N, C-alpha and C. Protein backbone atom coordinates (compact mmCIF):
# COMPACT_ATOMS: atom_id res chain seq x y z
N UNK A 1 -15.01 -11.77 15.09
CA UNK A 1 -15.28 -12.26 13.73
C UNK A 1 -14.17 -11.80 12.74
N UNK A 2 -13.79 -10.48 12.88
CA UNK A 2 -12.76 -9.97 12.03
C UNK A 2 -11.47 -10.78 12.14
N UNK A 3 -11.12 -11.19 13.35
CA UNK A 3 -9.90 -11.96 13.48
C UNK A 3 -9.97 -13.32 12.75
N UNK A 4 -11.16 -13.94 12.71
CA UNK A 4 -11.31 -15.17 11.97
C UNK A 4 -11.13 -14.93 10.49
N UNK A 5 -11.66 -13.87 9.98
CA UNK A 5 -11.49 -13.55 8.58
C UNK A 5 -10.06 -13.20 8.23
N UNK A 6 -9.39 -12.59 9.15
CA UNK A 6 -7.97 -12.27 8.96
C UNK A 6 -7.13 -13.53 8.83
N UNK A 7 -7.45 -14.51 9.71
CA UNK A 7 -6.67 -15.70 9.66
C UNK A 7 -6.91 -16.51 8.39
N UNK A 8 -8.09 -16.41 7.86
CA UNK A 8 -8.39 -17.16 6.65
C UNK A 8 -7.83 -16.45 5.39
N UNK A 9 -7.46 -15.23 5.53
CA UNK A 9 -6.87 -14.48 4.41
C UNK A 9 -7.94 -13.95 3.46
N UNK A 10 -9.22 -14.09 3.81
CA UNK A 10 -10.30 -13.66 2.89
C UNK A 10 -10.89 -12.40 3.56
N UNK A 11 -10.29 -11.26 3.25
CA UNK A 11 -10.76 -10.01 3.84
C UNK A 11 -10.86 -8.99 2.69
N UNK A 12 -11.70 -7.96 2.99
CA UNK A 12 -11.82 -6.89 2.04
C UNK A 12 -12.21 -5.63 2.89
N UNK A 13 -12.44 -4.51 2.19
CA UNK A 13 -12.64 -3.28 2.96
C UNK A 13 -14.02 -3.30 3.69
N UNK A 14 -14.86 -4.30 3.47
CA UNK A 14 -16.10 -4.34 4.19
C UNK A 14 -16.00 -5.09 5.53
N UNK A 15 -14.86 -5.77 5.75
CA UNK A 15 -14.65 -6.47 6.99
C UNK A 15 -14.42 -5.49 8.12
N UNK A 16 -14.91 -5.79 9.30
CA UNK A 16 -14.70 -4.89 10.42
C UNK A 16 -13.49 -5.15 11.18
N UNK A 17 -12.75 -4.07 11.62
CA UNK A 17 -11.54 -4.25 12.42
C UNK A 17 -11.93 -4.54 13.84
N UNK A 18 -10.90 -4.88 14.63
CA UNK A 18 -11.15 -5.07 16.11
C UNK A 18 -11.63 -3.78 16.71
N UNK A 19 -12.63 -3.88 17.63
CA UNK A 19 -13.20 -2.75 18.26
C UNK A 19 -12.18 -1.95 19.00
N UNK A 20 -12.17 -0.65 18.81
CA UNK A 20 -11.28 0.28 19.54
C UNK A 20 -9.82 0.33 18.96
N UNK A 21 -9.55 -0.38 17.91
CA UNK A 21 -8.21 -0.33 17.37
C UNK A 21 -8.22 0.26 16.02
N UNK A 22 -7.16 0.92 15.61
CA UNK A 22 -7.05 1.48 14.25
C UNK A 22 -6.91 0.34 13.28
N UNK A 23 -7.71 0.43 12.19
CA UNK A 23 -7.71 -0.60 11.16
C UNK A 23 -6.60 -0.35 10.15
N UNK A 24 -5.93 -1.41 9.71
CA UNK A 24 -4.87 -1.29 8.79
C UNK A 24 -5.25 -2.06 7.51
N UNK A 25 -5.26 -1.35 6.38
CA UNK A 25 -5.61 -1.91 5.10
C UNK A 25 -4.44 -1.88 4.12
N UNK A 26 -4.47 -2.77 3.15
CA UNK A 26 -3.47 -2.72 2.03
C UNK A 26 -4.37 -2.45 0.77
N UNK A 27 -3.96 -1.58 -0.08
CA UNK A 27 -4.69 -1.30 -1.30
C UNK A 27 -3.71 -1.34 -2.47
N UNK A 28 -4.27 -1.54 -3.66
CA UNK A 28 -3.44 -1.54 -4.84
C UNK A 28 -4.15 -0.75 -5.94
N UNK A 29 -3.31 -0.16 -6.84
CA UNK A 29 -3.85 0.54 -7.99
C UNK A 29 -2.82 0.43 -9.12
N UNK A 30 -3.21 0.78 -10.31
CA UNK A 30 -2.23 0.67 -11.41
C UNK A 30 -1.11 1.63 -11.25
N UNK A 31 0.08 1.24 -11.75
CA UNK A 31 1.20 2.19 -11.77
C UNK A 31 0.87 3.33 -12.71
N UNK A 32 1.34 4.51 -12.38
CA UNK A 32 1.10 5.70 -13.20
C UNK A 32 2.00 5.74 -14.41
N UNK A 33 1.47 6.21 -15.48
CA UNK A 33 2.30 6.36 -16.71
C UNK A 33 1.85 7.62 -17.45
N UNK A 34 2.66 8.07 -18.40
CA UNK A 34 2.26 9.20 -19.21
C UNK A 34 0.98 8.85 -19.97
N UNK A 35 0.20 9.89 -20.22
CA UNK A 35 -1.03 9.70 -21.02
C UNK A 35 -0.70 9.06 -22.41
N UNK A 36 -1.68 8.45 -22.96
CA UNK A 36 -1.46 7.82 -24.25
C UNK A 36 -1.13 6.33 -24.19
N UNK A 37 -0.39 5.84 -25.15
CA UNK A 37 -0.12 4.37 -25.20
C UNK A 37 0.50 3.82 -23.91
N UNK A 38 1.48 4.48 -23.23
CA UNK A 38 2.07 3.96 -21.97
C UNK A 38 0.94 3.73 -20.91
N UNK A 39 0.07 4.70 -20.74
CA UNK A 39 -1.02 4.64 -19.78
C UNK A 39 -2.00 3.49 -20.14
N UNK A 40 -2.30 3.31 -21.43
CA UNK A 40 -3.20 2.24 -21.88
C UNK A 40 -2.59 0.91 -21.57
N UNK A 41 -1.26 0.76 -21.84
CA UNK A 41 -0.54 -0.47 -21.60
C UNK A 41 -0.59 -0.86 -20.10
N UNK A 42 -0.27 0.13 -19.23
CA UNK A 42 -0.30 -0.12 -17.79
C UNK A 42 -1.67 -0.50 -17.33
N UNK A 43 -2.71 0.18 -17.81
CA UNK A 43 -4.09 -0.11 -17.35
C UNK A 43 -4.48 -1.53 -17.82
N UNK A 44 -4.10 -1.91 -19.02
CA UNK A 44 -4.45 -3.25 -19.55
C UNK A 44 -3.74 -4.32 -18.70
N UNK A 45 -2.49 -4.12 -18.39
CA UNK A 45 -1.72 -5.12 -17.60
C UNK A 45 -2.32 -5.17 -16.20
N UNK A 46 -2.72 -4.04 -15.64
CA UNK A 46 -3.32 -4.06 -14.29
C UNK A 46 -4.63 -4.82 -14.33
N UNK A 47 -5.44 -4.64 -15.36
CA UNK A 47 -6.71 -5.30 -15.50
C UNK A 47 -6.58 -6.79 -15.56
N UNK A 48 -5.42 -7.24 -16.14
CA UNK A 48 -5.15 -8.66 -16.21
C UNK A 48 -4.54 -9.17 -14.90
N UNK A 49 -4.47 -8.32 -13.88
CA UNK A 49 -3.96 -8.72 -12.61
C UNK A 49 -2.53 -9.07 -12.53
N UNK A 50 -1.73 -8.41 -13.38
CA UNK A 50 -0.24 -8.62 -13.38
C UNK A 50 0.40 -8.03 -12.16
N UNK A 51 1.06 -8.80 -11.38
CA UNK A 51 1.65 -8.41 -10.11
C UNK A 51 2.66 -7.25 -10.26
N UNK A 52 3.44 -7.28 -11.33
CA UNK A 52 4.57 -6.31 -11.49
C UNK A 52 4.11 -4.90 -11.81
N UNK A 53 2.89 -4.72 -12.24
CA UNK A 53 2.46 -3.36 -12.61
C UNK A 53 1.45 -2.81 -11.63
N UNK A 54 1.50 -3.29 -10.37
CA UNK A 54 0.64 -2.77 -9.32
C UNK A 54 1.42 -1.91 -8.32
N UNK A 55 0.76 -0.85 -7.94
CA UNK A 55 1.35 -0.02 -6.91
C UNK A 55 0.59 -0.30 -5.59
N UNK A 56 1.36 -0.60 -4.52
CA UNK A 56 0.80 -0.93 -3.25
C UNK A 56 0.97 0.14 -2.24
N UNK A 57 -0.05 0.27 -1.36
CA UNK A 57 -0.05 1.30 -0.30
C UNK A 57 -0.76 0.80 0.93
N UNK A 58 -0.51 1.52 2.01
CA UNK A 58 -1.15 1.18 3.31
C UNK A 58 -2.17 2.29 3.62
N UNK A 59 -3.30 1.86 4.10
CA UNK A 59 -4.33 2.85 4.58
C UNK A 59 -4.59 2.56 6.02
N UNK A 60 -4.59 3.65 6.79
CA UNK A 60 -4.92 3.56 8.23
C UNK A 60 -6.25 4.20 8.44
N UNK A 61 -7.16 3.48 9.05
CA UNK A 61 -8.49 4.05 9.37
C UNK A 61 -8.59 4.08 10.90
N UNK A 62 -8.47 5.33 11.42
CA UNK A 62 -8.51 5.46 12.93
C UNK A 62 -9.86 4.92 13.47
N UNK A 63 -9.77 4.43 14.70
CA UNK A 63 -10.92 3.86 15.33
C UNK A 63 -11.94 4.91 15.86
N UNK A 64 -11.42 6.10 16.13
CA UNK A 64 -12.34 7.11 16.73
C UNK A 64 -11.86 8.53 16.35
N UNK A 65 -12.79 9.53 16.46
CA UNK A 65 -12.46 10.92 16.22
C UNK A 65 -11.43 11.36 17.22
N UNK A 66 -10.71 12.44 17.08
CA UNK A 66 -10.96 13.46 16.03
C UNK A 66 -10.38 13.07 14.68
N UNK A 67 -9.59 12.10 14.61
CA UNK A 67 -8.91 11.69 13.37
C UNK A 67 -9.73 10.55 12.72
N UNK A 68 -10.89 10.80 12.13
CA UNK A 68 -11.70 9.78 11.66
C UNK A 68 -11.53 9.48 10.19
N UNK A 69 -10.89 10.35 9.44
CA UNK A 69 -10.62 10.11 8.01
C UNK A 69 -9.48 9.15 7.86
N UNK A 70 -9.61 8.30 6.86
CA UNK A 70 -8.48 7.34 6.53
C UNK A 70 -7.34 8.10 5.96
N UNK A 71 -6.13 7.65 6.25
CA UNK A 71 -4.89 8.21 5.72
C UNK A 71 -4.16 7.16 4.92
N UNK A 72 -3.75 7.52 3.69
CA UNK A 72 -2.96 6.66 2.79
C UNK A 72 -1.49 6.96 3.01
N UNK A 73 -0.72 5.93 3.11
CA UNK A 73 0.75 6.05 3.16
C UNK A 73 1.32 5.25 1.99
N UNK A 74 2.15 5.90 1.17
CA UNK A 74 2.75 5.09 0.08
C UNK A 74 4.13 5.66 -0.25
N UNK A 75 4.83 4.83 -1.02
CA UNK A 75 6.23 5.17 -1.43
C UNK A 75 6.29 4.95 -2.95
N UNK A 76 6.74 6.03 -3.63
CA UNK A 76 6.81 5.95 -5.06
C UNK A 76 7.98 6.87 -5.62
N UNK A 77 8.28 6.76 -6.92
CA UNK A 77 9.27 7.69 -7.46
C UNK A 77 8.79 9.09 -7.26
N UNK A 78 9.73 10.00 -7.07
CA UNK A 78 9.40 11.41 -6.88
C UNK A 78 8.60 11.93 -8.10
N UNK A 79 8.95 11.54 -9.28
CA UNK A 79 8.30 11.91 -10.51
C UNK A 79 7.91 10.69 -11.26
N UNK A 80 6.81 10.05 -10.92
CA UNK A 80 6.50 8.75 -11.48
C UNK A 80 6.15 8.74 -12.99
N UNK A 81 5.80 9.91 -13.51
CA UNK A 81 5.41 9.94 -14.93
C UNK A 81 6.55 10.36 -15.87
N UNK A 82 7.75 10.67 -15.29
CA UNK A 82 8.91 11.07 -16.05
C UNK A 82 9.46 9.80 -16.80
N UNK A 83 9.55 9.88 -18.11
CA UNK A 83 10.06 8.71 -18.90
C UNK A 83 11.46 8.31 -18.49
N UNK A 84 12.34 9.25 -18.19
CA UNK A 84 13.70 8.92 -17.77
C UNK A 84 13.73 8.20 -16.47
N UNK A 85 12.89 8.60 -15.52
CA UNK A 85 12.76 7.94 -14.22
C UNK A 85 12.27 6.53 -14.43
N UNK A 86 11.19 6.38 -15.28
CA UNK A 86 10.69 5.01 -15.58
C UNK A 86 11.74 4.14 -16.17
N UNK A 87 12.49 4.62 -17.10
CA UNK A 87 13.52 3.83 -17.76
C UNK A 87 14.63 3.42 -16.77
N UNK A 88 15.10 4.40 -15.97
CA UNK A 88 16.07 4.06 -14.97
C UNK A 88 15.58 3.03 -14.00
N UNK A 89 14.35 3.17 -13.52
CA UNK A 89 13.78 2.24 -12.59
C UNK A 89 13.67 0.84 -13.18
N UNK A 90 13.23 0.73 -14.46
CA UNK A 90 13.10 -0.52 -15.12
C UNK A 90 14.45 -1.22 -15.33
N UNK A 91 15.49 -0.39 -15.43
CA UNK A 91 16.82 -0.96 -15.62
C UNK A 91 17.48 -1.32 -14.31
N UNK A 92 16.76 -1.12 -13.21
CA UNK A 92 17.26 -1.52 -11.93
C UNK A 92 18.09 -0.49 -11.20
N UNK A 93 18.07 0.70 -11.73
CA UNK A 93 18.86 1.77 -11.14
C UNK A 93 17.99 2.44 -10.02
N UNK A 94 18.68 3.00 -9.05
CA UNK A 94 18.00 3.74 -8.04
C UNK A 94 17.54 5.08 -8.53
N UNK A 95 16.31 5.47 -8.16
CA UNK A 95 15.77 6.74 -8.52
C UNK A 95 15.27 7.44 -7.25
N UNK A 96 15.17 8.78 -7.24
CA UNK A 96 14.67 9.46 -6.06
C UNK A 96 13.20 9.04 -5.75
N UNK A 97 12.98 8.68 -4.56
CA UNK A 97 11.63 8.32 -4.15
C UNK A 97 11.10 9.27 -3.10
N UNK A 98 9.82 9.16 -2.80
CA UNK A 98 9.17 9.99 -1.80
C UNK A 98 8.08 9.22 -1.11
N UNK A 99 7.97 9.40 0.17
CA UNK A 99 6.86 8.80 0.92
C UNK A 99 5.74 9.85 0.98
N UNK A 100 4.59 9.43 0.54
CA UNK A 100 3.49 10.39 0.49
C UNK A 100 2.40 10.02 1.51
N UNK A 101 1.66 10.95 1.99
CA UNK A 101 0.50 10.74 2.82
C UNK A 101 -0.63 11.59 2.33
N UNK A 102 -1.82 11.12 2.36
CA UNK A 102 -2.98 11.93 1.97
C UNK A 102 -4.23 11.35 2.65
N UNK A 103 -5.24 12.21 2.80
CA UNK A 103 -6.51 11.80 3.45
C UNK A 103 -7.46 11.26 2.36
N UNK A 104 -8.25 10.31 2.79
CA UNK A 104 -9.28 9.73 1.95
C UNK A 104 -10.64 9.99 2.59
N UNK A 105 -11.66 10.35 1.79
CA UNK A 105 -13.00 10.53 2.28
C UNK A 105 -13.60 9.22 2.60
N UNK A 106 -13.28 8.21 1.83
CA UNK A 106 -13.79 6.85 2.07
C UNK A 106 -12.78 5.81 1.55
N UNK A 107 -12.90 4.63 2.11
CA UNK A 107 -12.03 3.53 1.66
C UNK A 107 -12.32 3.13 0.22
N UNK A 108 -11.35 2.66 -0.51
CA UNK A 108 -11.62 2.19 -1.89
C UNK A 108 -12.56 0.98 -1.80
N UNK A 109 -13.41 0.82 -2.74
CA UNK A 109 -14.34 -0.30 -2.79
C UNK A 109 -13.79 -1.58 -3.37
N UNK A 110 -12.76 -1.39 -4.19
CA UNK A 110 -12.08 -2.52 -4.81
C UNK A 110 -10.57 -2.52 -4.52
N UNK A 111 -9.99 -3.70 -4.62
CA UNK A 111 -8.48 -3.82 -4.44
C UNK A 111 -8.02 -3.22 -3.12
N UNK A 112 -8.79 -3.45 -2.05
CA UNK A 112 -8.46 -2.95 -0.72
C UNK A 112 -8.84 -4.03 0.30
N UNK A 113 -7.84 -4.37 1.15
CA UNK A 113 -8.08 -5.50 2.10
C UNK A 113 -7.67 -5.08 3.51
N UNK A 114 -8.56 -5.47 4.48
CA UNK A 114 -8.18 -5.26 5.85
C UNK A 114 -7.23 -6.37 6.18
N UNK A 115 -6.03 -5.94 6.76
CA UNK A 115 -4.94 -6.90 7.03
C UNK A 115 -4.67 -7.00 8.51
N UNK A 116 -5.23 -6.12 9.31
CA UNK A 116 -4.99 -6.18 10.76
C UNK A 116 -5.40 -4.94 11.47
N UNK A 117 -4.98 -4.83 12.68
CA UNK A 117 -5.27 -3.64 13.48
C UNK A 117 -4.04 -3.29 14.29
N UNK A 118 -4.04 -2.06 14.81
CA UNK A 118 -2.90 -1.54 15.60
C UNK A 118 -3.42 -1.08 16.97
N UNK A 119 -2.69 -1.50 18.01
CA UNK A 119 -3.08 -1.17 19.39
C UNK A 119 -2.88 0.34 19.64
N UNK A 120 -1.85 0.95 19.19
CA UNK A 120 -1.57 2.34 19.42
C UNK A 120 -2.20 3.30 18.39
N UNK A 121 -1.73 4.52 18.38
CA UNK A 121 -2.18 5.46 17.36
C UNK A 121 -1.39 5.17 16.08
N UNK A 122 -2.09 4.47 15.19
CA UNK A 122 -1.40 3.96 13.97
C UNK A 122 -0.86 5.08 13.12
N UNK A 123 -1.50 6.22 13.07
CA UNK A 123 -1.01 7.33 12.26
C UNK A 123 0.32 7.83 12.78
N UNK A 124 0.38 8.07 14.07
CA UNK A 124 1.66 8.50 14.66
C UNK A 124 2.76 7.49 14.46
N UNK A 125 2.42 6.21 14.63
CA UNK A 125 3.39 5.13 14.47
C UNK A 125 3.88 5.06 13.03
N UNK A 126 2.95 5.28 12.07
CA UNK A 126 3.33 5.27 10.62
C UNK A 126 4.24 6.42 10.33
N UNK A 127 4.00 7.58 10.85
CA UNK A 127 4.87 8.74 10.63
C UNK A 127 6.29 8.48 11.21
N UNK A 128 6.33 7.82 12.37
CA UNK A 128 7.60 7.46 12.92
C UNK A 128 8.35 6.48 12.01
N UNK A 129 7.65 5.46 11.44
CA UNK A 129 8.26 4.58 10.50
C UNK A 129 8.80 5.34 9.31
N UNK A 130 8.04 6.27 8.77
CA UNK A 130 8.42 7.08 7.60
C UNK A 130 9.70 7.89 7.87
N UNK A 131 9.91 8.34 9.08
CA UNK A 131 11.09 9.11 9.43
C UNK A 131 12.34 8.34 9.18
N UNK A 132 12.28 7.00 9.30
CA UNK A 132 13.50 6.18 9.11
C UNK A 132 13.55 5.45 7.74
N UNK A 133 12.57 5.67 6.94
CA UNK A 133 12.50 4.97 5.59
C UNK A 133 13.46 5.67 4.61
N UNK A 134 14.33 4.88 4.06
CA UNK A 134 15.30 5.36 3.03
C UNK A 134 14.52 5.65 1.73
N UNK A 135 14.67 6.83 1.11
CA UNK A 135 13.86 7.16 -0.02
C UNK A 135 14.51 6.91 -1.41
N UNK A 136 15.63 6.23 -1.42
CA UNK A 136 16.13 5.79 -2.75
C UNK A 136 15.38 4.61 -3.18
N UNK A 137 14.63 4.73 -4.29
CA UNK A 137 13.71 3.70 -4.77
C UNK A 137 14.43 2.81 -5.84
N UNK A 138 14.33 1.54 -5.71
CA UNK A 138 14.87 0.63 -6.67
C UNK A 138 13.92 -0.50 -6.82
N UNK A 139 13.28 -0.59 -7.99
CA UNK A 139 12.25 -1.58 -8.23
C UNK A 139 12.74 -3.00 -8.01
N UNK A 140 12.02 -3.75 -7.23
CA UNK A 140 12.32 -5.09 -6.90
C UNK A 140 13.29 -5.28 -5.68
N UNK A 141 13.83 -4.15 -5.21
CA UNK A 141 14.71 -4.19 -4.09
C UNK A 141 14.39 -3.29 -2.93
N UNK A 142 13.79 -2.16 -3.28
CA UNK A 142 13.38 -1.17 -2.24
C UNK A 142 12.30 -0.28 -2.90
N UNK A 143 11.09 -0.85 -2.95
CA UNK A 143 9.98 -0.12 -3.64
C UNK A 143 8.71 -0.20 -2.83
N UNK A 144 7.56 0.08 -3.49
CA UNK A 144 6.28 0.15 -2.74
C UNK A 144 5.94 -1.16 -2.05
N UNK A 145 6.36 -2.27 -2.61
CA UNK A 145 6.09 -3.57 -1.95
C UNK A 145 6.87 -3.69 -0.65
N UNK A 146 8.09 -3.29 -0.68
CA UNK A 146 8.91 -3.34 0.52
C UNK A 146 8.37 -2.39 1.57
N UNK A 147 7.99 -1.23 1.12
CA UNK A 147 7.40 -0.22 2.01
C UNK A 147 6.12 -0.73 2.68
N UNK A 148 5.23 -1.31 1.84
CA UNK A 148 3.94 -1.83 2.33
C UNK A 148 4.20 -2.95 3.35
N UNK A 149 5.04 -3.91 2.98
CA UNK A 149 5.33 -5.00 3.93
C UNK A 149 5.96 -4.47 5.20
N UNK A 150 6.86 -3.48 5.08
CA UNK A 150 7.54 -2.98 6.27
C UNK A 150 6.59 -2.21 7.19
N UNK A 151 5.81 -1.36 6.59
CA UNK A 151 4.87 -0.57 7.40
C UNK A 151 3.81 -1.45 8.07
N UNK A 152 3.25 -2.37 7.30
CA UNK A 152 2.24 -3.29 7.91
C UNK A 152 2.89 -4.13 9.05
N UNK A 153 4.13 -4.56 8.88
CA UNK A 153 4.79 -5.28 9.94
C UNK A 153 4.96 -4.34 11.18
N UNK A 154 5.38 -3.13 10.96
CA UNK A 154 5.59 -2.20 12.04
C UNK A 154 4.30 -1.88 12.77
N UNK A 155 3.18 -1.87 12.09
CA UNK A 155 1.91 -1.54 12.70
C UNK A 155 1.17 -2.73 13.32
N UNK A 156 1.32 -3.88 12.66
CA UNK A 156 0.53 -5.06 13.13
C UNK A 156 1.36 -6.22 13.61
N UNK A 157 2.65 -6.25 13.21
CA UNK A 157 3.50 -7.40 13.57
C UNK A 157 3.50 -8.48 12.51
N UNK A 158 2.61 -8.38 11.48
CA UNK A 158 2.63 -9.38 10.48
C UNK A 158 3.72 -9.18 9.41
N UNK A 159 4.49 -10.19 9.19
CA UNK A 159 5.57 -10.09 8.19
C UNK A 159 5.02 -10.51 6.76
N UNK A 160 5.57 -9.93 5.74
CA UNK A 160 5.23 -10.37 4.35
C UNK A 160 3.78 -10.42 4.08
N UNK A 161 3.02 -9.38 4.38
CA UNK A 161 1.57 -9.37 4.17
C UNK A 161 1.19 -9.50 2.70
N UNK A 162 2.01 -8.93 1.80
CA UNK A 162 1.69 -9.04 0.35
C UNK A 162 1.81 -10.50 -0.14
N UNK A 163 2.73 -11.24 0.41
CA UNK A 163 2.82 -12.67 0.05
C UNK A 163 1.55 -13.43 0.45
N UNK A 164 1.04 -13.09 1.67
CA UNK A 164 -0.17 -13.76 2.16
C UNK A 164 -1.31 -13.46 1.24
N UNK A 165 -1.48 -12.19 0.89
CA UNK A 165 -2.57 -11.78 -0.01
C UNK A 165 -2.43 -12.39 -1.39
N UNK A 166 -1.17 -12.43 -1.86
CA UNK A 166 -0.96 -13.04 -3.19
C UNK A 166 -1.23 -14.59 -3.18
N UNK A 167 -0.86 -15.26 -2.15
CA UNK A 167 -1.15 -16.71 -1.99
C UNK A 167 -2.65 -16.96 -1.91
N UNK A 168 -3.40 -16.09 -1.30
CA UNK A 168 -4.82 -16.28 -1.15
C UNK A 168 -5.53 -15.78 -2.39
N UNK A 169 -4.83 -15.38 -3.46
CA UNK A 169 -5.39 -14.95 -4.68
C UNK A 169 -6.25 -13.65 -4.56
N UNK A 170 -5.98 -12.89 -3.55
CA UNK A 170 -6.74 -11.64 -3.36
C UNK A 170 -6.15 -10.50 -4.27
N UNK A 171 -4.78 -10.62 -4.50
CA UNK A 171 -4.18 -9.53 -5.31
C UNK A 171 -3.52 -10.14 -6.46
């Protein structure tokens, strides 16, 4: 049943992955900004579902213990709240980036979609992908969207997953 939902493009975090395979999700959240007016502006734009102010990431949910907690993989500026970094990034300049990983106690309830599954140990495969990822971040050319598309393709074989989600009006 999950494969039928994947083909239709209508998936969310409640959809079940293929039995015995690690589940691969894409999630989005607002871009981070300094507290005050910049943060309010970003939150308002995100609430209006503006594509350009969303941060994308990949979540791997292992199929079985001992690694049962979901792991988030994402790519962002090393200091995302620094005004100089934000200005340089908006001007199209390269800024230092970093690939981050962290554990989740549970999957997000909103803005999170099951996009596929991985035959092997998806966490190990994702770390291997990260080892070769160039960390110079340039918005629109080498950013969280490129990272998410690349990692999902590496894990599932699906190219341009964000375009599929965008076309299906899920993001």
